[in-house]
């Protein structure tokens, strides 16, 4: 029942196409730091902001728009956020259609700097729960379910594919490389610093990927099953040979609502496949996940054991950084399969 993934060449969202001067595209124009002044950078999501801080180091000032446990899909910038964006030299975005609010924010702020789209060059999966996934029991596909799925596609699908590219550490490496190139173009005087910082961080991402692979590979493929709160882990499960049985919210968008038919279908799939747990996400209410887990008679992981999907966690939490969030996610998933993961490499805990 392995999930099938279709990939499409990456398409810039209408948002990104509307932005002036995409730094990662080459030949871009836009504001850069004045001589002797530090580059002022604004980053959208929690993950992209973390990547940008890792690359920038002390050579640029990074302002993060979306705060921990806020939805990247429905974010509403404050006046202070718009002011920061309006005065920025560089804007770093996740891209792939994730920041649906960005056009309005740019217009309201008057931002005219350089934009780095971290999704540039990354192939996007077109799979969305209820569309591209195989199902345990075809009989659970009622006419009502098909109608609900079609509605979900119309209302919640992101043009071009699934935007949650950071969940695969290898793709995170690609995002970091794109951010490094864009910052170097915006401030050539600090290019060597950006390159050194990016190289060091990319080495950690590669080590993270190896640690997850080593532990997941101890589990028979038939037992690598995952049910999450919404369809944010496509790239993660593809990277590690995990079967994605389904999501509580059958959409890329964490603001969507599951229908009764979709809930029944997921409960049936859980029972058929032998899934042992349903994972909530730290930035989403666990109520629907609790309901489905109870109906299916399996464990629900929520609260401190919830996955970090659309958002990193606050300072001091297990998901305060990208590295920490991935280690946390892999650890609780492995534990749900009855596996105690190996010790985390020391330099990943710094």
Protein backbone atom coordinates (compact mmCIF):
# COMPACT_ATOMS: atom_id res chain seq x y z
CA UNK A 1 0.00 0.00 0.00
CA UNK A 2 3.00 2.24 -0.63
CA UNK A 3 2.13 5.80 -1.44
CA UNK A 4 2.75 6.78 -5.03
CA UNK A 5 4.25 10.15 -5.70
CA UNK A 6 3.96 12.14 -8.87
CA UNK A 7 6.41 14.95 -9.38
CA UNK A 8 6.02 18.02 -11.52
CA UNK A 9 8.67 20.56 -12.44
CA UNK A 10 8.57 23.30 -9.89
CA UNK A 11 6.18 26.10 -10.79
CA UNK A 12 6.54 29.46 -9.17
CA UNK A 13 3.32 30.51 -7.51
CA UNK A 14 1.41 33.48 -8.82
CA UNK A 15 2.65 35.26 -5.75
CA UNK A 16 6.30 34.68 -6.58
CA UNK A 17 5.78 35.63 -10.23
CA UNK A 18 4.35 38.96 -9.14
CA UNK A 19 7.37 39.83 -7.04
CA UNK A 20 10.03 42.07 -8.47
CA UNK A 21 13.57 40.76 -8.64
CA UNK A 22 13.84 37.11 -7.64
CA UNK A 23 17.44 36.91 -6.45
CA UNK A 24 17.76 33.19 -6.99
CA UNK A 25 16.81 33.50 -10.63
CA UNK A 26 19.94 35.30 -11.75
CA UNK A 27 20.14 38.78 -13.21
CA UNK A 28 17.78 40.09 -10.54
CA UNK A 29 17.43 43.70 -9.55
CA UNK A 30 16.33 45.12 -6.24
CA UNK A 31 17.50 46.92 -3.12
CA UNK A 32 20.66 45.71 -1.39
CA UNK A 33 22.45 46.90 1.72
CA UNK A 34 24.08 50.30 1.45
CA UNK A 35 27.86 50.38 1.71
CA UNK A 36 28.95 49.80 5.29
CA UNK A 37 25.44 48.83 6.44
CA UNK A 38 24.23 45.34 7.37
CA UNK A 39 21.80 43.61 5.05
CA UNK A 40 18.22 43.73 6.36
CA UNK A 41 16.43 40.45 5.65
CA UNK A 42 12.82 39.42 6.27
CA UNK A 43 11.90 35.72 6.15
CA UNK A 44 8.36 34.39 6.05
CA UNK A 45 7.96 30.97 7.69
CA UNK A 46 9.56 29.61 10.84
CA UNK A 47 11.58 27.06 8.86
CA UNK A 48 12.76 29.51 6.21
CA UNK A 49 13.68 32.02 8.91
CA UNK A 50 15.77 29.38 10.69
CA UNK A 51 17.57 28.48 7.45
CA UNK A 52 18.17 32.16 6.74
CA UNK A 53 19.59 32.82 10.21
CA UNK A 54 21.92 29.86 9.83
CA UNK A 55 23.25 31.23 6.53
CA UNK A 56 23.31 34.90 7.57
CA UNK A 57 25.12 34.41 10.86
CA UNK A 58 26.36 37.79 12.05
CA UNK A 59 26.54 39.20 8.52
CA UNK A 60 22.85 40.15 8.19
CA UNK A 61 19.88 41.02 10.37
CA UNK A 62 16.98 38.57 9.96
CA UNK A 63 13.38 39.38 10.92
CA UNK A 64 10.91 36.47 11.06
CA UNK A 65 7.28 37.14 10.13
CA UNK A 66 5.36 33.98 11.09
CA UNK A 67 5.82 33.08 14.74
CA UNK A 68 5.92 29.58 16.30
CA UNK A 69 2.66 27.63 16.08
CA UNK A 70 1.10 30.12 13.65
CA UNK A 71 -0.39 28.80 10.41
CA UNK A 72 1.67 29.59 7.34
CA UNK A 73 -1.49 29.31 5.24
CA UNK A 74 -3.71 31.83 7.03
CA UNK A 75 -1.12 34.19 8.52
CA UNK A 76 -2.21 37.83 8.82
CA UNK A 77 0.75 40.25 9.10
CA UNK A 78 0.70 42.91 11.80
CA UNK A 79 1.53 46.57 11.27
CA UNK A 80 5.00 45.89 12.69
CA UNK A 81 5.48 43.01 10.24
CA UNK A 82 4.53 45.24 7.30
CA UNK A 83 6.89 47.95 8.51
CA UNK A 84 9.75 45.45 8.71
CA UNK A 85 8.95 44.13 5.26
CA UNK A 86 8.72 47.62 3.79
CA UNK A 87 12.23 48.52 4.98
CA UNK A 88 13.88 45.20 4.12
CA UNK A 89 16.59 44.75 1.50
CA UNK A 90 15.75 41.08 0.97
CA UNK A 91 12.66 38.90 1.43
CA UNK A 92 13.12 35.13 1.74
CA UNK A 93 10.04 32.99 1.07
CA UNK A 94 9.26 29.28 1.12
CA UNK A 95 7.52 29.63 -2.24
CA UNK A 96 5.65 26.77 -3.96
CA UNK A 97 2.39 28.62 -3.26
CA UNK A 98 2.58 28.32 0.54
CA UNK A 99 2.37 32.03 1.39
CA UNK A 100 -1.03 32.79 -0.11
CA UNK A 101 -1.18 36.10 1.79
CA UNK A 102 2.09 37.44 0.42
CA UNK A 103 0.86 39.53 -2.52
CA UNK A 104 -1.32 41.65 -0.24
CA UNK A 105 1.48 42.03 2.32
CA UNK A 106 3.95 43.21 -0.30
CA UNK A 107 1.46 45.68 -1.71
CA UNK A 108 0.56 47.04 1.73
CA UNK A 109 4.19 47.34 2.87
CA UNK A 110 5.64 48.88 -0.27
CA UNK A 111 8.47 46.32 -0.32
CA UNK A 112 10.69 46.82 -3.37
CA UNK A 113 13.75 44.77 -2.51
CA UNK A 114 15.05 41.43 -3.72
CA UNK A 115 13.08 38.21 -3.22
CA UNK A 116 14.67 34.80 -2.72
CA UNK A 117 12.28 31.92 -3.45
CA UNK A 118 13.71 28.97 -1.49
CA UNK A 119 11.66 26.47 -3.53
CA UNK A 120 13.45 27.33 -6.78
CA UNK A 121 14.66 24.20 -8.56
CA UNK A 122 12.80 21.75 -6.31
CA UNK A 123 10.36 19.31 -7.91
CA UNK A 124 7.00 19.35 -6.19
CA UNK A 125 4.84 16.35 -5.36
CA UNK A 126 1.30 16.67 -6.71
CA UNK A 127 -0.13 14.17 -4.22
CA UNK A 128 -2.81 15.38 -1.85
CA UNK A 129 -4.59 13.16 0.66
CA UNK A 130 -7.76 11.87 -0.97
CA UNK A 131 -6.22 12.21 -4.42
CA UNK A 132 -2.80 10.67 -4.96
CA UNK A 133 -2.74 8.11 -2.14
CA UNK A 134 -3.57 4.46 -2.44
CA UNK A 135 -6.35 3.31 -0.15
CA UNK A 136 -6.69 0.20 1.99
CA UNK A 137 -10.29 -0.45 1.04
CA UNK A 138 -11.71 0.79 -2.25
CA UNK A 139 -15.22 0.27 -0.94
CA UNK A 140 -14.74 3.20 1.43
CA UNK A 141 -14.74 5.47 -1.64
CA UNK A 142 -18.37 6.48 -1.75
CA UNK A 143 -19.85 9.00 -4.14
CA UNK A 144 -20.04 11.40 -1.22
CA UNK A 145 -16.35 10.96 -0.51
CA UNK A 146 -15.46 11.62 -4.14
CA UNK A 147 -17.55 14.79 -4.12
CA UNK A 148 -15.90 15.96 -0.91
CA UNK A 149 -12.45 15.24 -2.33
CA UNK A 150 -13.17 17.21 -5.47
CA UNK A 151 -14.37 20.11 -3.35
CA UNK A 152 -11.23 19.93 -1.23
CA UNK A 153 -9.07 20.01 -4.35
CA UNK A 154 -10.88 23.06 -5.68
CA UNK A 155 -10.77 24.95 -2.40
CA UNK A 156 -7.46 23.97 -0.83
CA UNK A 157 -4.98 22.61 -3.39
CA UNK A 158 -1.88 24.70 -4.01
CA UNK A 159 -1.06 25.43 -7.60
CA UNK A 160 2.01 23.44 -8.63
CA UNK A 161 2.01 20.86 -5.83
CA UNK A 162 2.63 20.24 -2.15
CA UNK A 163 4.53 23.20 -0.65
CA UNK A 164 5.85 21.41 2.48
CA UNK A 165 9.25 20.82 0.90
CA UNK A 166 11.31 21.36 4.08
CA UNK A 167 10.13 18.09 5.67
CA UNK A 168 12.79 16.24 3.63
CA UNK A 169 16.26 17.24 4.93
CA UNK A 170 17.75 16.78 1.45
CA UNK A 171 15.34 19.36 0.05
CA UNK A 172 16.13 21.55 3.05
CA UNK A 173 19.76 21.46 1.88
CA UNK A 174 18.62 22.71 -1.53
CA UNK A 175 16.65 25.51 0.12
CA UNK A 176 19.68 26.56 2.16
CA UNK A 177 21.87 26.61 -0.96
CA UNK A 178 19.35 28.83 -2.75
CA UNK A 179 19.18 31.20 0.22
CA UNK A 180 22.99 31.39 0.35
CA UNK A 181 23.20 32.24 -3.36
CA UNK A 182 20.56 34.94 -3.02
CA UNK A 183 22.12 36.58 0.04
CA UNK A 184 25.54 36.56 -1.62
CA UNK A 185 24.10 38.32 -4.66
CA UNK A 186 22.46 40.89 -2.41
CA UNK A 187 25.62 41.56 -0.39
CA UNK A 188 28.76 40.44 -2.19
CA UNK A 189 30.98 41.80 0.59
CA UNK A 190 29.60 39.14 2.95
CA UNK A 191 29.49 36.35 0.35
CA UNK A 192 32.34 34.37 1.91
CA UNK A 193 30.63 34.43 5.30
CA UNK A 194 27.33 33.27 3.80
CA UNK A 195 29.08 30.44 1.95
CA UNK A 196 30.96 29.24 5.03
CA UNK A 197 27.84 29.32 7.18
CA UNK A 198 25.77 27.49 4.57
CA UNK A 199 28.43 24.81 4.09
CA UNK A 200 28.58 24.11 7.83
CA UNK A 201 24.80 23.93 8.15
CA UNK A 202 24.38 21.75 5.05
CA UNK A 203 26.80 19.26 6.64
CA UNK A 204 24.49 19.07 9.67
CA UNK A 205 21.47 18.54 7.43
CA UNK A 206 23.27 15.68 5.68
CA UNK A 207 24.13 14.15 9.06
CA UNK A 208 20.50 14.51 10.15
CA UNK A 209 19.35 12.74 6.99
CA UNK A 210 21.79 9.89 7.61
CA UNK A 211 20.67 9.52 11.25
CA UNK A 212 16.99 9.32 10.27
CA UNK A 213 17.73 6.85 7.46
CA UNK A 214 19.79 4.61 9.73
CA UNK A 215 17.01 4.37 12.29
CA UNK A 216 14.06 4.07 9.90
CA UNK A 217 15.89 1.34 7.99
CA UNK A 218 15.77 -0.87 11.11
CA UNK A 219 11.99 -1.08 10.69
CA UNK A 220 10.47 -3.48 8.12
CA UNK A 221 8.88 -1.51 5.29
CA UNK A 222 5.48 -3.06 5.96
CA UNK A 223 5.54 -1.56 9.46
CA UNK A 224 6.49 1.97 8.38
CA UNK A 225 3.02 3.50 8.51
CA UNK A 226 2.05 7.11 9.25
CA UNK A 227 -1.19 9.03 9.83
CA UNK A 228 -0.77 12.74 10.52
CA UNK A 229 -3.00 15.75 11.14
CA UNK A 230 -2.76 17.18 7.62
CA UNK A 231 -0.94 16.40 4.39
CA UNK A 232 2.35 18.06 5.34
CA UNK A 233 4.72 15.06 5.35
CA UNK A 234 4.70 13.85 1.75
CA UNK A 235 8.39 14.63 1.21
CA UNK A 236 9.39 13.12 4.57
CA UNK A 237 7.65 9.80 3.94
CA UNK A 238 8.98 9.60 0.39
CA UNK A 239 12.52 10.23 1.59
CA UNK A 240 12.45 7.38 4.11
CA UNK A 241 10.27 4.75 2.48
CA UNK A 242 7.28 5.29 4.77
CA UNK A 243 3.73 4.46 3.71
CA UNK A 244 1.49 7.47 4.26
CA UNK A 245 -1.88 5.94 5.11
CA UNK A 246 -3.69 9.27 5.29
CA UNK A 247 -4.27 12.55 7.08
CA UNK A 248 -6.97 13.76 9.45
CA UNK A 249 -7.35 16.89 7.32
CA UNK A 250 -7.18 15.65 3.71
CA UNK A 251 -5.51 18.76 2.33
CA UNK A 252 -2.21 20.61 2.02
CA UNK A 253 -3.96 23.44 3.91
CA UNK A 254 -4.14 23.09 7.70
CA UNK A 255 -7.32 25.22 7.77
CA UNK A 256 -9.41 22.71 5.82
CA UNK A 257 -12.06 20.57 7.53
CA UNK A 258 -12.55 16.81 7.06
CA UNK A 259 -16.00 15.60 6.04
CA UNK A 260 -17.79 12.75 7.82
CA UNK A 261 -17.11 10.50 4.82
CA UNK A 262 -13.41 11.33 4.89
CA UNK A 263 -13.22 10.57 8.61
CA UNK A 264 -14.92 7.22 8.07
CA UNK A 265 -12.55 6.44 5.20
CA UNK A 266 -9.46 7.19 7.27
CA UNK A 267 -10.72 5.12 10.24
CA UNK A 268 -11.29 2.20 7.84
CA UNK A 269 -7.79 2.59 6.36
CA UNK A 270 -6.23 2.63 9.83
CA UNK A 271 -7.99 -0.59 10.77
CA UNK A 272 -7.12 -2.33 7.50
CA UNK A 273 -3.43 -1.40 7.49
CA UNK A 274 -2.74 -1.93 11.18
CA UNK A 275 -1.62 1.63 11.91
CA UNK A 276 -0.81 1.91 15.62
CA UNK A 277 -0.98 5.67 16.09
CA UNK A 278 -2.42 8.95 14.82
CA UNK A 279 -0.21 12.03 15.07
CA UNK A 280 -1.54 15.47 15.79
CA UNK A 281 0.56 18.54 14.94
CA UNK A 282 1.74 21.17 17.37
CA UNK A 283 0.17 24.06 15.45
CA UNK A 284 -3.24 22.39 14.88
CA UNK A 285 -6.05 21.55 17.28
CA UNK A 286 -5.85 17.84 18.20
CA UNK A 287 -9.63 17.37 18.48
CA UNK A 288 -10.17 15.69 15.10
CA UNK A 289 -7.09 13.51 15.56
CA UNK A 290 -8.36 12.49 19.00
CA UNK A 291 -11.73 11.55 17.52
CA UNK A 292 -10.27 9.44 14.72
CA UNK A 293 -7.79 7.69 17.02
CA UNK A 294 -10.61 6.86 19.45
CA UNK A 295 -12.83 5.49 16.66
CA UNK A 296 -9.98 3.43 15.25
CA UNK A 297 -8.84 2.22 18.68
CA UNK A 298 -5.25 3.44 18.34
CA UNK A 299 -2.92 5.76 20.23
CA UNK A 300 -2.95 9.50 19.53
CA UNK A 301 0.25 11.53 19.82
CA UNK A 302 -0.54 15.11 20.81
CA UNK A 303 0.67 17.83 23.16
CA UNK A 304 4.43 17.56 23.64
CA UNK A 305 4.47 14.44 21.46
CA UNK A 306 2.75 16.10 18.49
CA UNK A 307 4.65 16.50 15.23
CA UNK A 308 6.07 19.81 14.06
CA UNK A 309 4.63 20.30 10.60
CA UNK A 310 3.77 23.75 9.25
CA UNK A 311 5.51 25.53 12.11
CA UNK A 312 8.50 25.16 14.38
CA UNK A 313 7.90 25.41 18.11
CA UNK A 314 8.68 28.23 20.54
CA UNK A 315 12.07 28.67 22.15
CA UNK A 316 12.68 25.94 24.70
CA UNK A 317 10.43 23.39 22.98
CA UNK A 318 11.56 20.21 21.22
CA UNK A 319 10.87 21.93 17.90
CA UNK A 320 12.54 25.30 18.46
CA UNK A 321 14.86 24.82 15.46
CA UNK A 322 14.59 22.89 12.21
CA UNK A 323 17.15 20.33 13.33
CA UNK A 324 15.43 19.86 16.69
CA UNK A 325 11.99 19.54 15.07
CA UNK A 326 13.16 16.84 12.67
CA UNK A 327 14.87 14.90 15.44
CA UNK A 328 11.70 15.15 17.54
CA UNK A 329 9.45 14.05 14.66
CA UNK A 330 11.64 11.09 13.74
CA UNK A 331 11.96 10.05 17.39
CA UNK A 332 8.24 9.95 18.19
CA UNK A 333 7.42 8.23 14.89
CA UNK A 334 10.06 5.57 15.56
CA UNK A 335 8.80 5.12 19.11
CA UNK A 336 5.26 4.62 17.78
CA UNK A 337 6.69 1.69 15.79
CA UNK A 338 8.27 0.24 18.94
CA UNK A 339 11.81 1.41 18.13
CA UNK A 340 14.18 3.30 20.42
CA UNK A 341 16.32 5.45 18.12
CA UNK A 342 20.09 5.58 18.37
CA UNK A 343 21.81 8.46 20.09
CA UNK A 344 21.57 11.76 18.22
CA UNK A 345 24.94 12.92 16.86
CA UNK A 346 26.36 15.45 19.25
CA UNK A 347 26.80 18.30 16.77
CA UNK A 348 23.10 18.09 15.84
CA UNK A 349 22.16 18.97 19.41
CA UNK A 350 24.11 22.26 19.42
